[in-house]
Amino acid sequence: MNSYEFILLYKGVIGMQKPYKVKVSISLDENVIERIKELAEEDDRNFSQYINIVLKKHISECDNNSKTTI
């Protein structure tokens, strides 16, 4: 980042970008949807945010398990 970009960032002219999200369509069992909605509400998140968190956690656990088995 050069000094000009830093000044723009500091002044709020440009912002740090969040990772890009891609829309997908999936089919889920109705009971899974209802439970995820409940858990998301308890965590004060929307449905999509909560599914993203659950999937990231699962992927991380899978990655950790594959490293320990090698």
PDB file of N, CA and C in Angstrom:
ATOM      1  N   MET A   1       0.848  -1.165   0.000  1.00  0.00           N
ATOM      2  CA  MET A   1       0.000   0.000   0.000  1.00  0.00           C
ATOM      3  C   MET A   1       0.898   1.233   0.000  1.00  0.00           C
ATOM      4  N   ASN A   2       0.652   2.120  -0.935  1.00  0.00           N
ATOM      5  CA  ASN A   2       1.449   3.350  -0.961  1.00  0.00           C
ATOM      6  C   ASN A   2       0.827   4.395  -0.047  1.00  0.00           C
ATOM      7  N   SER A   3       1.510   5.525   0.133  1.00  0.00           N
ATOM      8  CA  SER A   3       1.044   6.549   1.065  1.00  0.00           C
ATOM      9  C   SER A   3      -0.290   7.156   0.619  1.00  0.00           C
ATOM     10  N   TYR A   4      -0.495   7.286  -0.677  1.00  0.00           N
ATOM     11  CA  TYR A   4      -1.761   7.828  -1.177  1.00  0.00           C
ATOM     12  C   TYR A   4      -2.913   6.905  -0.804  1.00  0.00           C
ATOM     13  N   GLU A   5      -2.733   5.595  -1.018  1.00  0.00           N
ATOM     14  CA  GLU A   5      -3.772   4.626  -0.668  1.00  0.00           C
ATOM     15  C   GLU A   5      -4.026   4.634   0.844  1.00  0.00           C
ATOM     16  N   PHE A   6      -2.958   4.777   1.625  1.00  0.00           N
ATOM     17  CA  PHE A   6      -3.116   4.832   3.075  1.00  0.00           C
ATOM     18  C   PHE A   6      -3.960   6.032   3.487  1.00  0.00           C
ATOM     19  N   ILE A   7      -3.706   7.188   2.885  1.00  0.00           N
ATOM     20  CA  ILE A   7      -4.467   8.399   3.209  1.00  0.00           C
ATOM     21  C   ILE A   7      -5.937   8.208   2.843  1.00  0.00           C
ATOM     22  N   LEU A   8      -6.199   7.631   1.667  1.00  0.00           N
ATOM     23  CA  LEU A   8      -7.581   7.384   1.257  1.00  0.00           C
ATOM     24  C   LEU A   8      -8.266   6.414   2.217  1.00  0.00           C
ATOM     25  N   LEU A   9      -7.548   5.382   2.631  1.00  0.00           N
ATOM     26  CA  LEU A   9      -8.095   4.426   3.577  1.00  0.00           C
ATOM     27  C   LEU A   9      -8.370   5.103   4.907  1.00  0.00           C
ATOM     28  N   TYR A  10      -7.429   5.897   5.385  1.00  0.00           N
ATOM     29  CA  TYR A  10      -7.568   6.605   6.657  1.00  0.00           C
ATOM     30  C   TYR A  10      -8.756   7.552   6.636  1.00  0.00           C
ATOM     31  N   LYS A  11      -8.940   8.241   5.525  1.00  0.00           N
ATOM     32  CA  LYS A  11     -10.052   9.190   5.407  1.00  0.00           C
ATOM     33  C   LYS A  11     -11.370   8.501   5.101  1.00  0.00           C
ATOM     34  N   GLY A  12     -11.337   7.208   4.884  1.00  0.00           N
ATOM     35  CA  GLY A  12     -12.563   6.471   4.618  1.00  0.00           C
ATOM     36  C   GLY A  12     -13.027   6.542   3.182  1.00  0.00           C
ATOM     37  N   VAL A  13     -12.186   7.054   2.294  1.00  0.00           N
ATOM     38  CA  VAL A  13     -12.561   7.143   0.882  1.00  0.00           C
ATOM     39  C   VAL A  13     -12.620   5.742   0.279  1.00  0.00           C
ATOM     40  N   ILE A  14     -11.657   4.919   0.642  1.00  0.00           N
ATOM     41  CA  ILE A  14     -11.688   3.516   0.230  1.00  0.00           C
ATOM     42  C   ILE A  14     -11.735   2.687   1.491  1.00  0.00           C
ATOM     43  N   GLY A  15     -12.236   1.498   1.414  1.00  0.00           N
ATOM     44  CA  GLY A  15     -12.324   0.636   2.583  1.00  0.00           C
ATOM     45  C   GLY A  15     -11.660  -0.696   2.326  1.00  0.00           C
ATOM     46  N   MET A  16     -11.438  -1.391   3.392  1.00  0.00           N
ATOM     47  CA  MET A  16     -10.901  -2.743   3.263  1.00  0.00           C
ATOM     48  C   MET A  16     -12.033  -3.612   2.726  1.00  0.00           C
ATOM     49  N   GLN A  17     -11.739  -4.409   1.722  1.00  0.00           N
ATOM     50  CA  GLN A  17     -12.772  -5.231   1.110  1.00  0.00           C
ATOM     51  C   GLN A  17     -12.889  -6.560   1.840  1.00  0.00           C
ATOM     52  N   LYS A  18     -14.122  -6.993   2.032  1.00  0.00           N
ATOM     53  CA  LYS A  18     -14.378  -8.299   2.612  1.00  0.00           C
ATOM     54  C   LYS A  18     -14.197  -9.344   1.520  1.00  0.00           C
ATOM     55  N   PRO A  19     -13.942 -10.580   1.916  1.00  0.00           N
ATOM     56  CA  PRO A  19     -13.835 -11.637   0.893  1.00  0.00           C
ATOM     57  C   PRO A  19     -15.129 -11.719   0.089  1.00  0.00           C
ATOM     58  N   TYR A  20     -14.990 -11.936  -1.180  1.00  0.00           N
ATOM     59  CA  TYR A  20     -16.132 -12.006  -2.081  1.00  0.00           C
ATOM     60  C   TYR A  20     -16.955 -13.262  -1.806  1.00  0.00           C
ATOM     61  N   LYS A  21     -18.239 -13.121  -1.747  1.00  0.00           N
ATOM     62  CA  LYS A  21     -19.146 -14.249  -1.537  1.00  0.00           C
ATOM     63  C   LYS A  21     -19.807 -14.606  -2.861  1.00  0.00           C
ATOM     64  N   VAL A  22     -19.986 -15.892  -3.086  1.00  0.00           N
ATOM     65  CA  VAL A  22     -20.618 -16.392  -4.299  1.00  0.00           C
ATOM     66  C   VAL A  22     -21.949 -17.014  -3.907  1.00  0.00           C
ATOM     67  N   LYS A  23     -23.002 -16.650  -4.615  1.00  0.00           N
ATOM     68  CA  LYS A  23     -24.315 -17.224  -4.339  1.00  0.00           C
ATOM     69  C   LYS A  23     -24.382 -18.632  -4.912  1.00  0.00           C
ATOM     70  N   VAL A  24     -24.933 -19.545  -4.106  1.00  0.00           N
ATOM     71  CA  VAL A  24     -25.140 -20.923  -4.545  1.00  0.00           C
ATOM     72  C   VAL A  24     -26.542 -21.348  -4.162  1.00  0.00           C
ATOM     73  N   SER A  25     -27.005 -22.380  -4.792  1.00  0.00           N
ATOM     74  CA  SER A  25     -28.305 -22.941  -4.462  1.00  0.00           C
ATOM     75  C   SER A  25     -28.098 -24.395  -4.077  1.00  0.00           C
ATOM     76  N   ILE A  26     -28.570 -24.771  -2.890  1.00  0.00           N
ATOM     77  CA  ILE A  26     -28.451 -26.158  -2.448  1.00  0.00           C
ATOM     78  C   ILE A  26     -29.799 -26.616  -1.894  1.00  0.00           C
ATOM     79  N   SER A  27     -29.994 -27.918  -1.877  1.00  0.00           N
ATOM     80  CA  SER A  27     -31.199 -28.505  -1.294  1.00  0.00           C
ATOM     81  C   SER A  27     -30.822 -29.124   0.037  1.00  0.00           C
ATOM     82  N   LEU A  28     -31.591 -28.784   1.076  1.00  0.00           N
ATOM     83  CA  LEU A  28     -31.335 -29.297   2.416  1.00  0.00           C
ATOM     84  C   LEU A  28     -32.598 -29.931   2.967  1.00  0.00           C
ATOM     85  N   ASP A  29     -32.417 -30.879   3.859  1.00  0.00           N
ATOM     86  CA  ASP A  29     -33.565 -31.463   4.544  1.00  0.00           C
ATOM     87  C   ASP A  29     -34.249 -30.384   5.384  1.00  0.00           C
ATOM     88  N   GLU A  30     -35.565 -30.470   5.460  1.00  0.00           N
ATOM     89  CA  GLU A  30     -36.331 -29.456   6.174  1.00  0.00           C
ATOM     90  C   GLU A  30     -35.922 -29.354   7.646  1.00  0.00           C
ATOM     91  N   ASN A  31     -35.652 -30.499   8.284  1.00  0.00           N
ATOM     92  CA  ASN A  31     -35.268 -30.465   9.689  1.00  0.00           C
ATOM     93  C   ASN A  31     -33.893 -29.805   9.879  1.00  0.00           C
ATOM     94  N   VAL A  32     -33.019 -29.945   8.907  1.00  0.00           N
ATOM     95  CA  VAL A  32     -31.704 -29.291   8.963  1.00  0.00           C
ATOM     96  C   VAL A  32     -31.878 -27.781   8.857  1.00  0.00           C
ATOM     97  N   ILE A  33     -32.723 -27.352   7.956  1.00  0.00           N
ATOM     98  CA  ILE A  33     -32.983 -25.922   7.775  1.00  0.00           C
ATOM     99  C   ILE A  33     -33.537 -25.310   9.056  1.00  0.00           C
ATOM    100  N   GLU A  34     -34.510 -25.972   9.651  1.00  0.00           N
ATOM    101  CA  GLU A  34     -35.118 -25.443  10.873  1.00  0.00           C
ATOM    102  C   GLU A  34     -34.105 -25.352  12.006  1.00  0.00           C
ATOM    103  N   ARG A  35     -33.267 -26.385  12.145  1.00  0.00           N
ATOM    104  CA  ARG A  35     -32.280 -26.363  13.234  1.00  0.00           C
ATOM    105  C   ARG A  35     -31.226 -25.288  13.000  1.00  0.00           C
ATOM    106  N   ILE A  36     -30.767 -25.134  11.766  1.00  0.00           N
ATOM    107  CA  ILE A  36     -29.792 -24.089  11.458  1.00  0.00           C
ATOM    108  C   ILE A  36     -30.391 -22.713  11.723  1.00  0.00           C
ATOM    109  N   LYS A  37     -31.653 -22.519  11.375  1.00  0.00           N
ATOM    110  CA  LYS A  37     -32.314 -21.237  11.658  1.00  0.00           C
ATOM    111  C   LYS A  37     -32.342 -20.959  13.158  1.00  0.00           C
ATOM    112  N   GLU A  38     -32.648 -21.981  13.949  1.00  0.00           N
ATOM    113  CA  GLU A  38     -32.662 -21.815  15.408  1.00  0.00           C
ATOM    114  C   GLU A  38     -31.278 -21.445  15.941  1.00  0.00           C
ATOM    115  N   LEU A  39     -30.266 -22.185  15.504  1.00  0.00           N
ATOM    116  CA  LEU A  39     -28.902 -21.928  15.965  1.00  0.00           C
ATOM    117  C   LEU A  39     -28.412 -20.553  15.515  1.00  0.00           C
ATOM    118  N   ALA A  40     -28.749 -20.179  14.304  1.00  0.00           N
ATOM    119  CA  ALA A  40     -28.347 -18.869  13.785  1.00  0.00           C
ATOM    120  C   ALA A  40     -28.974 -17.756  14.611  1.00  0.00           C
ATOM    121  N   GLU A  41     -30.243 -17.920  14.948  1.00  0.00           N
ATOM    122  CA  GLU A  41     -30.925 -16.901  15.750  1.00  0.00           C
ATOM    123  C   GLU A  41     -30.301 -16.797  17.142  1.00  0.00           C
ATOM    124  N   GLU A  42     -29.972 -17.930  17.740  1.00  0.00           N
ATOM    125  CA  GLU A  42     -29.322 -17.929  19.053  1.00  0.00           C
ATOM    126  C   GLU A  42     -27.976 -17.211  19.007  1.00  0.00           C
ATOM    127  N   ASP A  43     -27.298 -17.305  17.862  1.00  0.00           N
ATOM    128  CA  ASP A  43     -25.978 -16.693  17.689  1.00  0.00           C
ATOM    129  C   ASP A  43     -26.072 -15.287  17.090  1.00  0.00           C
ATOM    130  N   ASP A  44     -27.299 -14.790  16.922  1.00  0.00           N
ATOM    131  CA  ASP A  44     -27.561 -13.457  16.367  1.00  0.00           C
ATOM    132  C   ASP A  44     -26.941 -13.285  14.980  1.00  0.00           C
ATOM    133  N   ARG A  45     -27.144 -14.293  14.135  1.00  0.00           N
ATOM    134  CA  ARG A  45     -26.638 -14.261  12.761  1.00  0.00           C
ATOM    135  C   ARG A  45     -27.766 -14.641  11.819  1.00  0.00           C
ATOM    136  N   ASN A  46     -27.575 -14.288  10.543  1.00  0.00           N
ATOM    137  CA  ASN A  46     -28.574 -14.729   9.578  1.00  0.00           C
ATOM    138  C   ASN A  46     -28.233 -16.146   9.112  1.00  0.00           C
ATOM    139  N   PHE A  47     -29.169 -16.747   8.429  1.00  0.00           N
ATOM    140  CA  PHE A  47     -29.052 -18.139   7.984  1.00  0.00           C
ATOM    141  C   PHE A  47     -27.779 -18.377   7.186  1.00  0.00           C
ATOM    142  N   SER A  48     -27.530 -17.531   6.215  1.00  0.00           N
ATOM    143  CA  SER A  48     -26.368 -17.689   5.339  1.00  0.00           C
ATOM    144  C   SER A  48     -25.050 -17.559   6.107  1.00  0.00           C
ATOM    145  N   GLN A  49     -24.973 -16.568   6.985  1.00  0.00           N
ATOM    146  CA  GLN A  49     -23.760 -16.388   7.784  1.00  0.00           C
ATOM    147  C   GLN A  49     -23.484 -17.630   8.628  1.00  0.00           C
ATOM    148  N   TYR A  50     -24.531 -18.158   9.236  1.00  0.00           N
ATOM    149  CA  TYR A  50     -24.338 -19.302  10.120  1.00  0.00           C
ATOM    150  C   TYR A  50     -23.911 -20.543   9.353  1.00  0.00           C
ATOM    151  N   ILE A  51     -24.517 -20.774   8.194  1.00  0.00           N
ATOM    152  CA  ILE A  51     -24.101 -21.917   7.373  1.00  0.00           C
ATOM    153  C   ILE A  51     -22.637 -21.771   6.972  1.00  0.00           C
ATOM    154  N   ASN A  52     -22.216 -20.564   6.627  1.00  0.00           N
ATOM    155  CA  ASN A  52     -20.827 -20.325   6.258  1.00  0.00           C
ATOM    156  C   ASN A  52     -19.894 -20.672   7.420  1.00  0.00           C
ATOM    157  N   ILE A  53     -20.270 -20.270   8.636  1.00  0.00           N
ATOM    158  CA  ILE A  53     -19.465 -20.572   9.820  1.00  0.00           C
ATOM    159  C   ILE A  53     -19.379 -22.080  10.051  1.00  0.00           C
ATOM    160  N   VAL A  54     -20.516 -22.750   9.952  1.00  0.00           N
ATOM    161  CA  VAL A  54     -20.552 -24.202  10.164  1.00  0.00           C
ATOM    162  C   VAL A  54     -19.681 -24.919   9.132  1.00  0.00           C
ATOM    163  N   LEU A  55     -19.775 -24.511   7.880  1.00  0.00           N
ATOM    164  CA  LEU A  55     -18.984 -25.155   6.834  1.00  0.00           C
ATOM    165  C   LEU A  55     -17.492 -24.889   7.009  1.00  0.00           C
ATOM    166  N   LYS A  56     -17.117 -23.658   7.375  1.00  0.00           N
ATOM    167  CA  LYS A  56     -15.700 -23.350   7.620  1.00  0.00           C
ATOM    168  C   LYS A  56     -15.148 -24.197   8.762  1.00  0.00           C
ATOM    169  N   LYS A  57     -15.934 -24.333   9.835  1.00  0.00           N
ATOM    170  CA  LYS A  57     -15.500 -25.137  10.975  1.00  0.00           C
ATOM    171  C   LYS A  57     -15.319 -26.589  10.561  1.00  0.00           C
ATOM    172  N   HIS A  58     -16.263 -27.117   9.805  1.00  0.00           N
ATOM    173  CA  HIS A  58     -16.181 -28.511   9.349  1.00  0.00           C
ATOM    174  C   HIS A  58     -14.950 -28.723   8.463  1.00  0.00           C
ATOM    175  N   ILE A  59     -14.712 -27.806   7.547  1.00  0.00           N
ATOM    176  CA  ILE A  59     -13.551 -27.916   6.661  1.00  0.00           C
ATOM    177  C   ILE A  59     -12.262 -27.872   7.469  1.00  0.00           C
ATOM    178  N   SER A  60     -12.192 -26.984   8.439  1.00  0.00           N
ATOM    179  CA  SER A  60     -11.015 -26.876   9.294  1.00  0.00           C
ATOM    180  C   SER A  60     -10.771 -28.178  10.062  1.00  0.00           C
ATOM    181  N   GLU A  61     -11.848 -28.747  10.603  1.00  0.00           N
ATOM    182  CA  GLU A  61     -11.721 -30.014  11.325  1.00  0.00           C
ATOM    183  C   GLU A  61     -11.273 -31.140  10.396  1.00  0.00           C
ATOM    184  N   CYS A  62     -11.799 -31.178   9.189  1.00  0.00           N
ATOM    185  CA  CYS A  62     -11.376 -32.188   8.207  1.00  0.00           C
ATOM    186  C   CYS A  62      -9.907 -32.024   7.864  1.00  0.00           C
ATOM    187  N   ASP A  63      -9.481 -30.777   7.658  1.00  0.00           N
ATOM    188  CA  ASP A  63      -8.081 -30.498   7.350  1.00  0.00           C
ATOM    189  C   ASP A  63      -7.176 -30.924   8.499  1.00  0.00           C
ATOM    190  N   ASN A  64      -7.577 -30.622   9.720  1.00  0.00           N
ATOM    191  CA  ASN A  64      -6.775 -31.004  10.896  1.00  0.00           C
ATOM    192  C   ASN A  64      -6.715 -32.512  11.050  1.00  0.00           C
ATOM    193  N   ASN A  65      -7.821 -33.185  10.806  1.00  0.00           N
ATOM    194  CA  ASN A  65      -7.845 -34.661  10.915  1.00  0.00           C
ATOM    195  C   ASN A  65      -6.981 -35.312   9.865  1.00  0.00           C
ATOM    196  N   SER A  66      -6.956 -34.770   8.658  1.00  0.00           N
ATOM    197  CA  SER A  66      -6.143 -35.359   7.594  1.00  0.00           C
ATOM    198  C   SER A  66      -4.658 -35.169   7.868  1.00  0.00           C
ATOM    199  N   LYS A  67      -4.290 -34.089   8.542  1.00  0.00           N
ATOM    200  CA  LYS A  67      -2.878 -33.848   8.873  1.00  0.00           C
ATOM    201  C   LYS A  67      -2.387 -34.801   9.950  1.00  0.00           C
ATOM    202  N   THR A  68      -3.263 -35.161  10.871  1.00  0.00           N
ATOM    203  CA  THR A  68      -2.833 -36.026  11.973  1.00  0.00           C
ATOM    204  C   THR A  68      -2.793 -37.494  11.557  1.00  0.00           C
ATOM    205  N   THR A  69      -3.474 -37.859  10.488  1.00  0.00           N
ATOM    206  CA  THR A  69      -3.489 -39.243  10.061  1.00  0.00           C
ATOM    207  C   THR A  69      -2.363 -39.585   9.105  1.00  0.00           C
ATOM    208  N   ILE A  70      -1.642 -38.581   8.643  1.00  0.00           N
ATOM    209  CA  ILE A  70      -0.559 -38.820   7.679  1.00  0.00           C
ATOM    210  C   ILE A  70       0.720 -39.122   8.410  1.00  0.00           C
TER     211      ILE A  70
END
